[in-house]
Amino acid sequence: LLSAGERQQSFAAEAARRHVALLKKHGQAGGASLPHPHWQLVASPIVPPVVERQLAFAAEYRATYGRALMDDLLRRERDDGVRVVELTDAFAVLAAFAPQWEGETWIVPREPADGIATLDDGAIAAFAEVLWRTLRRVAAALEEPPLNVVIHSAPLRSEAAGDFRWHARIQPRLGAQAGFELGSGVAIVTLAPEAAAERLRSVSP
C-alpha cells in the first residue's frame, strides 16, 4: 500500500492523468486472471462515472446541509451502532447501508482526506492493519468468498475534492447480477447489512 501511494503521487504529476484507482482482485468471480490475490493500480485520463456521482452527491449534500456527507454518515452509524463492525481511533468499519453485494463492507477514515496518497507512513500502516482484520472477518463469516477491494479516491487535482473522503469498499462477489439488476441498476441482496455486521462482529479476526 505504501508503494502504491508513492506511485499514485508520481501519476499525479502527469497532467494527462485525472484519476488513479487502486483495487484488489481475489478469486475468479472477482476478475482475477492470476491464481493468487493481487492488487492493481490503474491510472486513467478520465474520471470514472461512479466517482463523478460521488463528488456530485457530496457537493449537493454540503450545499443543502452545510456539512460534509461522510461526517454525518459516520456520526449516524456510530450512534446507531447496528452496522458498525469495528471502530478504531482512525477508521470505522461498516456494513454498507445500501450494499451492491452481499456482505459489502466499507472502511472509512474518521478524519477527512481525499485520497490514500495523502496519508503518511503511520496512517498507511494503521489502514493496512484494519484492512487485514476486515478481510479475515469477511473470509471467516462468508466462507472465503471471491471479492474485490476498491479504494475510492477523489480525482487528481480536483477543485471538488474538498467534500470527498477516500474510503475502501470490500465487495464479496456473492450472488449474481441478473436481468433486473442489469436493467435497473438496482442491486438485490439477501443478506441485510445489519445481519452482515452482526456476522462479521461475531468472528475473530
N, C-alpha and C. Protein backbone atom coordinates (compact mmCIF):
# COMPACT_ATOMS: atom_id res chain seq x y z
N LEU A 1 0.82 -1.20 0.00
CA LEU A 1 0.00 0.00 0.00
C LEU A 1 0.86 1.26 0.00
N LEU A 2 2.00 1.21 0.69
CA LEU A 2 2.88 2.36 0.72
C LEU A 2 3.42 2.65 -0.67
N SER A 3 3.91 1.61 -1.35
CA SER A 3 4.45 1.84 -2.69
C SER A 3 3.35 2.29 -3.65
N ALA A 4 2.11 1.80 -3.45
CA ALA A 4 1.00 2.23 -4.30
C ALA A 4 0.74 3.72 -4.11
N GLY A 5 0.81 4.19 -2.86
CA GLY A 5 0.62 5.61 -2.62
C GLY A 5 1.70 6.44 -3.28
N GLU A 6 2.95 5.95 -3.24
CA GLU A 6 4.04 6.67 -3.88
C GLU A 6 3.84 6.71 -5.40
N ARG A 7 3.38 5.60 -5.97
CA ARG A 7 3.13 5.58 -7.41
C ARG A 7 2.00 6.53 -7.78
N GLN A 8 0.97 6.58 -6.93
CA GLN A 8 -0.13 7.48 -7.22
C GLN A 8 0.35 8.92 -7.22
N GLN A 9 1.24 9.27 -6.31
CA GLN A 9 1.80 10.62 -6.29
C GLN A 9 2.57 10.92 -7.58
N SER A 10 3.28 9.91 -8.07
CA SER A 10 4.03 10.12 -9.32
C SER A 10 3.08 10.29 -10.49
N PHE A 11 1.97 9.52 -10.50
CA PHE A 11 0.97 9.69 -11.56
C PHE A 11 0.36 11.08 -11.52
N ALA A 12 0.16 11.60 -10.31
CA ALA A 12 -0.49 12.91 -10.17
C ALA A 12 0.31 14.02 -10.81
N ALA A 13 1.61 13.79 -10.98
CA ALA A 13 2.46 14.81 -11.58
C ALA A 13 2.26 14.91 -13.09
N GLU A 14 1.57 13.92 -13.68
CA GLU A 14 1.35 13.91 -15.12
C GLU A 14 0.00 14.57 -15.43
N ALA A 15 0.02 15.64 -16.19
CA ALA A 15 -1.19 16.42 -16.42
C ALA A 15 -2.29 15.62 -17.10
N ALA A 16 -1.93 14.61 -17.90
CA ALA A 16 -2.94 13.83 -18.62
C ALA A 16 -3.70 12.87 -17.72
N ARG A 17 -3.16 12.59 -16.54
CA ARG A 17 -3.83 11.67 -15.62
C ARG A 17 -4.86 12.42 -14.79
N ARG A 18 -6.07 11.89 -14.77
CA ARG A 18 -7.13 12.54 -14.00
C ARG A 18 -7.60 11.72 -12.81
N HIS A 19 -7.35 10.43 -12.81
CA HIS A 19 -7.80 9.60 -11.70
C HIS A 19 -6.91 8.38 -11.59
N VAL A 20 -6.70 7.92 -10.35
CA VAL A 20 -5.94 6.70 -10.11
C VAL A 20 -6.78 5.78 -9.24
N ALA A 21 -7.02 4.56 -9.72
CA ALA A 21 -7.80 3.57 -8.99
C ALA A 21 -6.88 2.49 -8.44
N LEU A 22 -7.05 2.18 -7.17
CA LEU A 22 -6.30 1.10 -6.52
C LEU A 22 -7.30 0.03 -6.13
N LEU A 23 -7.06 -1.20 -6.58
CA LEU A 23 -8.04 -2.26 -6.33
C LEU A 23 -7.37 -3.62 -6.17
N LYS A 24 -8.08 -4.49 -5.46
CA LYS A 24 -7.60 -5.84 -5.20
C LYS A 24 -8.58 -6.84 -5.81
N LYS A 25 -8.04 -7.87 -6.44
CA LYS A 25 -8.85 -8.94 -7.00
C LYS A 25 -8.54 -10.25 -6.29
N HIS A 26 -9.59 -10.98 -5.94
CA HIS A 26 -9.41 -12.27 -5.28
C HIS A 26 -10.46 -13.24 -5.81
N GLY A 27 -10.03 -14.29 -6.47
CA GLY A 27 -10.95 -15.29 -6.98
C GLY A 27 -11.43 -14.98 -8.38
N GLN A 28 -11.84 -16.03 -9.08
CA GLN A 28 -12.26 -15.87 -10.47
C GLN A 28 -13.45 -14.93 -10.61
N ALA A 29 -14.41 -15.04 -9.68
CA ALA A 29 -15.57 -14.15 -9.75
C ALA A 29 -15.20 -12.71 -9.47
N GLY A 30 -14.05 -12.49 -8.83
CA GLY A 30 -13.57 -11.14 -8.59
C GLY A 30 -12.75 -10.59 -9.74
N GLY A 31 -12.70 -11.33 -10.85
CA GLY A 31 -12.00 -10.87 -12.03
C GLY A 31 -10.52 -11.17 -12.03
N ALA A 32 -10.06 -12.02 -11.10
CA ALA A 32 -8.63 -12.30 -11.01
C ALA A 32 -8.19 -13.21 -12.16
N SER A 33 -7.23 -12.74 -12.94
CA SER A 33 -6.68 -13.56 -14.03
C SER A 33 -5.48 -14.35 -13.57
N LEU A 34 -4.99 -14.05 -12.35
CA LEU A 34 -3.89 -14.79 -11.74
C LEU A 34 -4.45 -15.66 -10.63
N PRO A 35 -3.80 -16.78 -10.31
CA PRO A 35 -4.36 -17.70 -9.31
C PRO A 35 -4.27 -17.19 -7.88
N HIS A 36 -3.53 -16.12 -7.64
CA HIS A 36 -3.37 -15.61 -6.27
C HIS A 36 -3.98 -14.22 -6.17
N PRO A 37 -4.42 -13.80 -4.97
CA PRO A 37 -4.93 -12.44 -4.81
C PRO A 37 -3.85 -11.42 -5.16
N HIS A 38 -4.25 -10.33 -5.79
CA HIS A 38 -3.26 -9.31 -6.16
C HIS A 38 -3.93 -7.95 -6.28
N TRP A 39 -3.10 -6.92 -6.14
CA TRP A 39 -3.56 -5.54 -6.27
C TRP A 39 -3.21 -5.00 -7.65
N GLN A 40 -4.00 -4.05 -8.10
CA GLN A 40 -3.72 -3.36 -9.35
C GLN A 40 -3.88 -1.86 -9.14
N LEU A 41 -3.07 -1.10 -9.85
CA LEU A 41 -3.14 0.35 -9.83
C LEU A 41 -3.42 0.81 -11.27
N VAL A 42 -4.52 1.52 -11.46
CA VAL A 42 -4.94 1.91 -12.81
C VAL A 42 -5.04 3.43 -12.89
N ALA A 43 -4.19 4.04 -13.71
CA ALA A 43 -4.23 5.48 -13.94
C ALA A 43 -5.04 5.74 -15.21
N SER A 44 -5.92 6.73 -15.15
CA SER A 44 -6.85 6.96 -16.26
C SER A 44 -6.88 8.44 -16.64
N PRO A 45 -7.09 8.72 -17.93
CA PRO A 45 -7.23 10.11 -18.37
C PRO A 45 -8.64 10.66 -18.15
N ILE A 46 -9.56 9.84 -17.64
CA ILE A 46 -10.92 10.29 -17.36
C ILE A 46 -11.26 10.02 -15.90
N VAL A 47 -12.26 10.71 -15.40
CA VAL A 47 -12.79 10.45 -14.07
C VAL A 47 -13.91 9.44 -14.21
N PRO A 48 -13.85 8.28 -13.55
CA PRO A 48 -14.91 7.28 -13.69
C PRO A 48 -16.27 7.85 -13.29
N PRO A 49 -17.34 7.44 -14.00
CA PRO A 49 -18.67 7.97 -13.68
C PRO A 49 -19.08 7.78 -12.22
N VAL A 50 -18.69 6.65 -11.61
CA VAL A 50 -19.08 6.43 -10.22
C VAL A 50 -18.44 7.47 -9.31
N VAL A 51 -17.22 7.87 -9.61
CA VAL A 51 -16.55 8.89 -8.81
C VAL A 51 -17.19 10.26 -9.06
N GLU A 52 -17.55 10.53 -10.31
CA GLU A 52 -18.26 11.78 -10.62
C GLU A 52 -19.55 11.89 -9.82
N ARG A 53 -20.29 10.78 -9.72
CA ARG A 53 -21.54 10.79 -8.96
C ARG A 53 -21.28 11.03 -7.48
N GLN A 54 -20.24 10.40 -6.94
CA GLN A 54 -19.91 10.59 -5.53
C GLN A 54 -19.55 12.04 -5.25
N LEU A 55 -18.78 12.65 -6.14
CA LEU A 55 -18.45 14.06 -5.98
C LEU A 55 -19.70 14.93 -6.02
N ALA A 56 -20.59 14.63 -6.95
CA ALA A 56 -21.83 15.41 -7.08
C ALA A 56 -22.69 15.27 -5.84
N PHE A 57 -22.83 14.04 -5.33
CA PHE A 57 -23.64 13.83 -4.12
C PHE A 57 -23.05 14.60 -2.94
N ALA A 58 -21.72 14.52 -2.80
CA ALA A 58 -21.06 15.19 -1.67
C ALA A 58 -21.24 16.70 -1.76
N ALA A 59 -21.10 17.26 -2.97
CA ALA A 59 -21.26 18.70 -3.15
C ALA A 59 -22.71 19.13 -2.89
N GLU A 60 -23.66 18.33 -3.38
CA GLU A 60 -25.07 18.65 -3.17
C GLU A 60 -25.43 18.60 -1.68
N TYR A 61 -24.88 17.61 -0.98
CA TYR A 61 -25.16 17.48 0.46
C TYR A 61 -24.60 18.69 1.20
N ARG A 62 -23.37 19.09 0.87
CA ARG A 62 -22.77 20.26 1.51
C ARG A 62 -23.60 21.51 1.25
N ALA A 63 -24.06 21.68 0.01
CA ALA A 63 -24.85 22.86 -0.34
C ALA A 63 -26.19 22.88 0.40
N THR A 64 -26.76 21.69 0.62
CA THR A 64 -28.07 21.60 1.26
C THR A 64 -28.01 21.74 2.78
N TYR A 65 -27.03 21.04 3.38
CA TYR A 65 -26.99 20.96 4.85
C TYR A 65 -25.83 21.71 5.49
N GLY A 66 -24.88 22.16 4.67
CA GLY A 66 -23.75 22.88 5.23
C GLY A 66 -22.76 22.01 5.98
N ARG A 67 -22.86 20.70 5.76
CA ARG A 67 -21.97 19.76 6.45
C ARG A 67 -21.45 18.75 5.45
N ALA A 68 -20.39 18.03 5.84
CA ALA A 68 -19.82 17.01 4.96
C ALA A 68 -20.65 15.73 5.07
N LEU A 69 -20.92 15.12 3.93
CA LEU A 69 -21.72 13.91 3.88
C LEU A 69 -21.12 12.79 4.73
N MET A 70 -19.81 12.55 4.59
CA MET A 70 -19.18 11.45 5.32
C MET A 70 -19.14 11.71 6.82
N ASP A 71 -19.04 12.98 7.24
CA ASP A 71 -19.10 13.28 8.67
C ASP A 71 -20.43 12.84 9.24
N ASP A 72 -21.51 13.19 8.56
CA ASP A 72 -22.84 12.82 9.04
C ASP A 72 -23.07 11.31 8.96
N LEU A 73 -22.57 10.68 7.90
CA LEU A 73 -22.72 9.22 7.78
C LEU A 73 -22.03 8.52 8.94
N LEU A 74 -20.80 8.93 9.25
CA LEU A 74 -20.07 8.29 10.35
C LEU A 74 -20.76 8.55 11.68
N ARG A 75 -21.24 9.75 11.89
CA ARG A 75 -21.93 10.06 13.14
C ARG A 75 -23.18 9.22 13.31
N ARG A 76 -23.96 9.11 12.24
CA ARG A 76 -25.20 8.33 12.31
C ARG A 76 -24.90 6.86 12.57
N GLU A 77 -23.93 6.31 11.85
CA GLU A 77 -23.62 4.89 12.01
C GLU A 77 -23.04 4.60 13.40
N ARG A 78 -22.20 5.50 13.90
CA ARG A 78 -21.63 5.30 15.23
C ARG A 78 -22.72 5.36 16.29
N ASP A 79 -23.63 6.32 16.18
CA ASP A 79 -24.69 6.47 17.18
C ASP A 79 -25.66 5.30 17.14
N ASP A 80 -25.97 4.83 15.92
CA ASP A 80 -26.90 3.70 15.78
C ASP A 80 -26.22 2.38 16.17
N GLY A 81 -25.01 2.18 15.67
CA GLY A 81 -24.20 1.04 16.08
C GLY A 81 -24.50 -0.28 15.41
N VAL A 82 -25.68 -0.45 14.80
CA VAL A 82 -26.09 -1.76 14.34
C VAL A 82 -25.29 -2.24 13.13
N ARG A 83 -24.78 -1.32 12.34
CA ARG A 83 -23.99 -1.70 11.16
C ARG A 83 -22.48 -1.52 11.38
N VAL A 84 -22.08 -1.16 12.59
CA VAL A 84 -20.66 -0.98 12.90
C VAL A 84 -20.01 -2.33 13.15
N VAL A 85 -18.93 -2.61 12.42
CA VAL A 85 -18.17 -3.85 12.62
C VAL A 85 -17.01 -3.59 13.57
N GLU A 86 -16.32 -2.47 13.39
CA GLU A 86 -15.18 -2.13 14.25
C GLU A 86 -14.95 -0.63 14.18
N LEU A 87 -14.55 -0.05 15.32
CA LEU A 87 -14.14 1.34 15.38
C LEU A 87 -12.73 1.40 15.96
N THR A 88 -11.84 2.13 15.30
CA THR A 88 -10.52 2.40 15.84
C THR A 88 -10.39 3.92 15.95
N ASP A 89 -9.25 4.37 16.44
CA ASP A 89 -9.05 5.81 16.54
C ASP A 89 -9.08 6.47 15.17
N ALA A 90 -8.67 5.72 14.14
CA ALA A 90 -8.51 6.32 12.82
C ALA A 90 -9.57 5.89 11.81
N PHE A 91 -10.22 4.73 12.02
CA PHE A 91 -11.10 4.18 10.99
C PHE A 91 -12.39 3.62 11.58
N ALA A 92 -13.44 3.67 10.75
CA ALA A 92 -14.69 2.98 11.05
C ALA A 92 -14.91 1.91 9.99
N VAL A 93 -15.20 0.70 10.45
CA VAL A 93 -15.52 -0.41 9.55
C VAL A 93 -17.03 -0.63 9.63
N LEU A 94 -17.71 -0.51 8.50
CA LEU A 94 -19.17 -0.51 8.48
C LEU A 94 -19.70 -1.48 7.44
N ALA A 95 -20.77 -2.18 7.78
CA ALA A 95 -21.54 -2.89 6.77
C ALA A 95 -22.30 -1.85 5.97
N ALA A 96 -22.14 -1.86 4.64
CA ALA A 96 -22.71 -0.81 3.80
C ALA A 96 -24.23 -0.74 3.98
N PHE A 97 -24.76 0.47 4.14
CA PHE A 97 -26.19 0.67 4.36
C PHE A 97 -27.01 0.18 3.18
N ALA A 98 -26.54 0.46 1.97
CA ALA A 98 -27.23 0.03 0.75
C ALA A 98 -26.22 -0.72 -0.12
N PRO A 99 -25.94 -1.97 0.21
CA PRO A 99 -24.85 -2.69 -0.45
C PRO A 99 -25.17 -3.06 -1.89
N GLN A 100 -24.13 -3.04 -2.70
CA GLN A 100 -24.25 -3.55 -4.06
C GLN A 100 -24.09 -5.05 -4.08
N TRP A 101 -23.32 -5.59 -3.10
CA TRP A 101 -23.06 -7.02 -2.99
C TRP A 101 -23.31 -7.47 -1.56
N GLU A 102 -23.73 -8.70 -1.38
CA GLU A 102 -23.97 -9.23 -0.04
C GLU A 102 -22.68 -9.17 0.78
N GLY A 103 -22.79 -8.65 1.98
CA GLY A 103 -21.63 -8.57 2.84
C GLY A 103 -20.70 -7.41 2.52
N GLU A 104 -21.12 -6.48 1.66
CA GLU A 104 -20.25 -5.35 1.31
C GLU A 104 -19.91 -4.55 2.57
N THR A 105 -18.63 -4.27 2.73
CA THR A 105 -18.13 -3.64 3.94
C THR A 105 -17.24 -2.46 3.56
N TRP A 106 -17.43 -1.34 4.25
CA TRP A 106 -16.65 -0.14 3.99
C TRP A 106 -15.67 0.11 5.13
N ILE A 107 -14.49 0.60 4.77
CA ILE A 107 -13.54 1.12 5.75
C ILE A 107 -13.40 2.61 5.46
N VAL A 108 -13.82 3.43 6.42
CA VAL A 108 -13.88 4.88 6.21
C VAL A 108 -12.97 5.57 7.23
N PRO A 109 -12.05 6.42 6.78
CA PRO A 109 -11.22 7.17 7.72
C PRO A 109 -12.07 8.16 8.51
N ARG A 110 -11.77 8.31 9.79
CA ARG A 110 -12.56 9.19 10.63
C ARG A 110 -12.17 10.66 10.46
N GLU A 111 -11.01 10.90 9.85
CA GLU A 111 -10.58 12.26 9.55
C GLU A 111 -10.59 12.46 8.04
N PRO A 112 -10.98 13.64 7.59
CA PRO A 112 -11.09 13.89 6.13
C PRO A 112 -9.74 13.77 5.42
N ALA A 113 -9.76 13.16 4.28
CA ALA A 113 -8.63 13.10 3.35
C ALA A 113 -9.21 12.67 2.02
N ASP A 114 -8.74 13.27 0.91
CA ASP A 114 -9.38 12.98 -0.37
C ASP A 114 -8.78 11.79 -1.10
N GLY A 115 -7.61 11.31 -0.64
CA GLY A 115 -7.01 10.17 -1.32
C GLY A 115 -6.00 9.47 -0.45
N ILE A 116 -5.79 8.18 -0.70
CA ILE A 116 -4.86 7.40 0.11
C ILE A 116 -3.43 7.88 -0.07
N ALA A 117 -3.13 8.53 -1.19
CA ALA A 117 -1.77 9.00 -1.43
C ALA A 117 -1.39 10.15 -0.50
N THR A 118 -2.38 10.75 0.16
CA THR A 118 -2.09 11.86 1.07
C THR A 118 -1.68 11.38 2.46
N LEU A 119 -1.79 10.08 2.73
CA LEU A 119 -1.51 9.55 4.07
C LEU A 119 -0.02 9.38 4.29
N ASP A 120 0.40 9.57 5.54
CA ASP A 120 1.79 9.31 5.87
C ASP A 120 1.98 7.82 6.19
N ASP A 121 3.22 7.43 6.46
CA ASP A 121 3.52 6.01 6.67
C ASP A 121 2.73 5.42 7.82
N GLY A 122 2.57 6.18 8.91
CA GLY A 122 1.83 5.67 10.07
C GLY A 122 0.37 5.42 9.75
N ALA A 123 -0.24 6.34 9.02
CA ALA A 123 -1.65 6.17 8.66
C ALA A 123 -1.84 5.01 7.70
N ILE A 124 -0.89 4.84 6.77
CA ILE A 124 -0.96 3.69 5.86
C ILE A 124 -0.87 2.39 6.64
N ALA A 125 0.04 2.33 7.61
CA ALA A 125 0.20 1.12 8.42
C ALA A 125 -1.08 0.83 9.21
N ALA A 126 -1.70 1.88 9.76
CA ALA A 126 -2.95 1.69 10.51
C ALA A 126 -4.06 1.18 9.61
N PHE A 127 -4.14 1.74 8.40
CA PHE A 127 -5.14 1.26 7.45
C PHE A 127 -4.89 -0.19 7.06
N ALA A 128 -3.64 -0.54 6.81
CA ALA A 128 -3.30 -1.92 6.43
C ALA A 128 -3.73 -2.91 7.51
N GLU A 129 -3.55 -2.54 8.77
CA GLU A 129 -3.95 -3.43 9.87
C GLU A 129 -5.47 -3.62 9.90
N VAL A 130 -6.21 -2.52 9.73
CA VAL A 130 -7.67 -2.62 9.75
C VAL A 130 -8.15 -3.41 8.53
N LEU A 131 -7.55 -3.17 7.39
CA LEU A 131 -7.93 -3.90 6.19
C LEU A 131 -7.68 -5.39 6.35
N TRP A 132 -6.54 -5.75 6.91
CA TRP A 132 -6.22 -7.17 7.11
C TRP A 132 -7.24 -7.83 8.04
N ARG A 133 -7.56 -7.16 9.15
CA ARG A 133 -8.54 -7.74 10.07
C ARG A 133 -9.90 -7.88 9.40
N THR A 134 -10.28 -6.89 8.62
CA THR A 134 -11.60 -6.93 7.98
C THR A 134 -11.67 -8.03 6.93
N LEU A 135 -10.61 -8.19 6.16
CA LEU A 135 -10.59 -9.27 5.17
C LEU A 135 -10.66 -10.63 5.86
N ARG A 136 -10.00 -10.78 6.99
CA ARG A 136 -10.08 -12.04 7.74
C ARG A 136 -11.50 -12.27 8.26
N ARG A 137 -12.15 -11.22 8.72
CA ARG A 137 -13.54 -11.35 9.17
C ARG A 137 -14.45 -11.79 8.01
N VAL A 138 -14.29 -11.14 6.87
CA VAL A 138 -15.11 -11.47 5.71
C VAL A 138 -14.88 -12.92 5.28
N ALA A 139 -13.62 -13.34 5.26
CA ALA A 139 -13.31 -14.71 4.87
C ALA A 139 -13.95 -15.72 5.82
N ALA A 140 -13.89 -15.44 7.13
CA ALA A 140 -14.44 -16.37 8.11
C ALA A 140 -15.97 -16.36 8.12
N ALA A 141 -16.56 -15.18 8.00
CA ALA A 141 -18.01 -15.06 8.12
C ALA A 141 -18.74 -15.49 6.87
N LEU A 142 -18.10 -15.35 5.71
CA LEU A 142 -18.78 -15.61 4.44
C LEU A 142 -18.14 -16.74 3.65
N GLU A 143 -17.36 -17.56 4.34
CA GLU A 143 -16.81 -18.80 3.76
C GLU A 143 -15.89 -18.53 2.57
N GLU A 144 -14.90 -17.67 2.79
CA GLU A 144 -13.84 -17.41 1.80
C GLU A 144 -14.40 -17.01 0.42
N PRO A 145 -15.18 -15.94 0.37
CA PRO A 145 -15.78 -15.58 -0.92
C PRO A 145 -14.75 -14.94 -1.85
N PRO A 146 -14.94 -15.09 -3.17
CA PRO A 146 -14.18 -14.23 -4.09
C PRO A 146 -14.61 -12.78 -3.81
N LEU A 147 -13.72 -11.85 -4.01
CA LEU A 147 -14.07 -10.48 -3.67
C LEU A 147 -13.18 -9.48 -4.40
N ASN A 148 -13.61 -8.23 -4.31
CA ASN A 148 -12.80 -7.10 -4.75
C ASN A 148 -12.69 -6.12 -3.60
N VAL A 149 -11.54 -5.47 -3.50
CA VAL A 149 -11.37 -4.31 -2.64
C VAL A 149 -11.09 -3.14 -3.57
N VAL A 150 -11.88 -2.09 -3.44
CA VAL A 150 -11.71 -0.91 -4.29
C VAL A 150 -11.50 0.30 -3.38
N ILE A 151 -10.37 1.00 -3.61
CA ILE A 151 -10.10 2.23 -2.88
C ILE A 151 -10.69 3.38 -3.68
N HIS A 152 -11.66 4.06 -3.11
CA HIS A 152 -12.30 5.18 -3.78
C HIS A 152 -11.60 6.47 -3.37
N SER A 153 -10.93 7.10 -4.32
CA SER A 153 -10.22 8.35 -4.08
C SER A 153 -10.76 9.43 -5.01
N ALA A 154 -10.58 10.68 -4.61
CA ALA A 154 -11.01 11.80 -5.44
C ALA A 154 -10.15 11.87 -6.69
N PRO A 155 -10.65 12.51 -7.73
CA PRO A 155 -9.83 12.73 -8.93
C PRO A 155 -8.59 13.55 -8.59
N LEU A 156 -7.59 13.41 -9.41
CA LEU A 156 -6.37 14.19 -9.23
C LEU A 156 -6.64 15.66 -9.53
N ARG A 157 -6.12 16.53 -8.69
CA ARG A 157 -6.19 17.98 -8.90
C ARG A 157 -7.63 18.48 -9.07
N SER A 158 -8.56 17.88 -8.33
CA SER A 158 -9.96 18.26 -8.46
C SER A 158 -10.31 19.38 -7.48
N GLU A 159 -10.98 20.42 -7.98
CA GLU A 159 -11.41 21.51 -7.11
C GLU A 159 -12.55 21.06 -6.19
N ALA A 160 -13.25 19.98 -6.56
CA ALA A 160 -14.37 19.50 -5.76
C ALA A 160 -13.96 18.48 -4.71
N ALA A 161 -12.67 18.18 -4.62
CA ALA A 161 -12.21 17.10 -3.75
C ALA A 161 -12.39 17.42 -2.27
N GLY A 162 -12.60 18.68 -1.93
CA GLY A 162 -12.72 19.04 -0.52
C GLY A 162 -13.91 18.39 0.17
N ASP A 163 -14.96 18.08 -0.57
CA ASP A 163 -16.14 17.44 0.02
C ASP A 163 -16.08 15.91 -0.07
N PHE A 164 -15.02 15.39 -0.66
CA PHE A 164 -14.90 13.94 -0.88
C PHE A 164 -14.00 13.34 0.18
N ARG A 165 -14.34 12.15 0.68
CA ARG A 165 -13.47 11.44 1.61
C ARG A 165 -13.15 10.06 1.03
N TRP A 166 -11.86 9.75 0.91
CA TRP A 166 -11.49 8.45 0.38
C TRP A 166 -11.98 7.36 1.33
N HIS A 167 -12.19 6.18 0.79
CA HIS A 167 -12.60 5.04 1.60
C HIS A 167 -12.39 3.77 0.80
N ALA A 168 -12.41 2.66 1.49
CA ALA A 168 -12.25 1.35 0.84
C ALA A 168 -13.57 0.60 0.91
N ARG A 169 -13.90 -0.07 -0.20
CA ARG A 169 -15.10 -0.90 -0.23
C ARG A 169 -14.67 -2.35 -0.50
N ILE A 170 -15.00 -3.23 0.42
CA ILE A 170 -14.76 -4.66 0.26
C ILE A 170 -16.06 -5.26 -0.24
N GLN A 171 -16.00 -5.84 -1.44
CA GLN A 171 -17.22 -6.30 -2.10
C GLN A 171 -17.12 -7.80 -2.40
N PRO A 172 -17.65 -8.65 -1.51
CA PRO A 172 -17.69 -10.08 -1.80
C PRO A 172 -18.56 -10.34 -3.02
N ARG A 173 -18.07 -11.16 -3.93
CA ARG A 173 -18.81 -11.41 -5.16
C ARG A 173 -19.73 -12.61 -4.97
N LEU A 174 -20.71 -12.41 -4.10
CA LEU A 174 -21.70 -13.44 -3.81
C LEU A 174 -22.98 -13.13 -4.59
N GLY A 175 -23.62 -14.15 -5.09
CA GLY A 175 -24.80 -13.94 -5.92
C GLY A 175 -24.38 -13.52 -7.32
N ALA A 176 -25.35 -13.10 -8.09
CA ALA A 176 -25.08 -12.70 -9.48
C ALA A 176 -26.02 -11.57 -9.85
N GLN A 177 -25.55 -10.69 -10.72
CA GLN A 177 -26.40 -9.64 -11.24
C GLN A 177 -27.14 -10.18 -12.46
N ALA A 178 -28.46 -10.27 -12.33
CA ALA A 178 -29.28 -10.84 -13.39
C ALA A 178 -30.07 -9.74 -14.10
N GLY A 179 -31.17 -10.12 -14.74
CA GLY A 179 -31.89 -9.19 -15.61
C GLY A 179 -32.34 -7.93 -14.92
N PHE A 180 -32.96 -8.05 -13.74
CA PHE A 180 -33.46 -6.85 -13.07
C PHE A 180 -32.32 -5.91 -12.71
N GLU A 181 -31.26 -6.48 -12.13
CA GLU A 181 -30.13 -5.65 -11.72
C GLU A 181 -29.49 -4.95 -12.92
N LEU A 182 -29.29 -5.70 -14.00
CA LEU A 182 -28.66 -5.12 -15.19
C LEU A 182 -29.57 -4.09 -15.86
N GLY A 183 -30.88 -4.32 -15.80
CA GLY A 183 -31.80 -3.42 -16.46
C GLY A 183 -32.15 -2.18 -15.66
N SER A 184 -31.98 -2.26 -14.33
CA SER A 184 -32.40 -1.15 -13.47
C SER A 184 -31.24 -0.45 -12.78
N GLY A 185 -30.13 -1.15 -12.64
CA GLY A 185 -29.03 -0.59 -11.86
C GLY A 185 -29.26 -0.69 -10.37
N VAL A 186 -30.31 -1.41 -9.95
CA VAL A 186 -30.64 -1.59 -8.54
C VAL A 186 -30.18 -2.97 -8.10
N ALA A 187 -29.42 -3.02 -7.01
CA ALA A 187 -28.91 -4.30 -6.52
C ALA A 187 -29.94 -4.98 -5.62
N ILE A 188 -29.99 -6.31 -5.70
CA ILE A 188 -30.81 -7.10 -4.80
C ILE A 188 -29.88 -8.01 -4.01
N VAL A 189 -29.94 -7.91 -2.68
CA VAL A 189 -29.13 -8.77 -1.82
C VAL A 189 -30.05 -9.47 -0.83
N THR A 190 -29.66 -10.67 -0.42
CA THR A 190 -30.49 -11.44 0.51
C THR A 190 -29.95 -11.40 1.94
N LEU A 191 -28.80 -10.78 2.14
CA LEU A 191 -28.22 -10.64 3.47
C LEU A 191 -28.28 -9.17 3.87
N ALA A 192 -29.14 -8.85 4.83
CA ALA A 192 -29.29 -7.46 5.26
C ALA A 192 -27.99 -6.95 5.86
N PRO A 193 -27.66 -5.67 5.68
CA PRO A 193 -26.41 -5.15 6.23
C PRO A 193 -26.32 -5.29 7.74
N GLU A 194 -27.46 -5.19 8.43
CA GLU A 194 -27.43 -5.35 9.88
C GLU A 194 -27.03 -6.77 10.26
N ALA A 195 -27.55 -7.76 9.50
CA ALA A 195 -27.17 -9.16 9.75
C ALA A 195 -25.72 -9.40 9.36
N ALA A 196 -25.28 -8.76 8.27
CA ALA A 196 -23.89 -8.91 7.85
C ALA A 196 -22.95 -8.38 8.92
N ALA A 197 -23.26 -7.21 9.48
CA ALA A 197 -22.42 -6.63 10.53
C ALA A 197 -22.36 -7.54 11.75
N GLU A 198 -23.50 -8.09 12.15
CA GLU A 198 -23.52 -8.99 13.28
C GLU A 198 -22.66 -10.23 13.03
N ARG A 199 -22.75 -10.76 11.81
CA ARG A 199 -21.96 -11.93 11.48
C ARG A 199 -20.46 -11.61 11.47
N LEU A 200 -20.09 -10.44 10.95
CA LEU A 200 -18.69 -10.05 10.91
C LEU A 200 -18.14 -9.79 12.31
N ARG A 201 -18.96 -9.18 13.16
CA ARG A 201 -18.51 -8.93 14.54
C ARG A 201 -18.32 -10.22 15.32
N SER A 202 -19.06 -11.25 14.95
CA SER A 202 -19.06 -12.49 15.74
C SER A 202 -17.84 -13.35 15.54
N VAL A 203 -17.03 -13.07 14.48
CA VAL A 203 -15.87 -13.88 14.21
C VAL A 203 -14.62 -13.14 14.63
N SER A 204 -13.62 -13.88 15.03
CA SER A 204 -12.37 -13.28 15.47
C SER A 204 -11.45 -13.07 14.28
N PRO A 205 -10.91 -11.85 14.13
CA PRO A 205 -10.00 -11.61 13.01
C PRO A 205 -8.61 -12.14 13.29
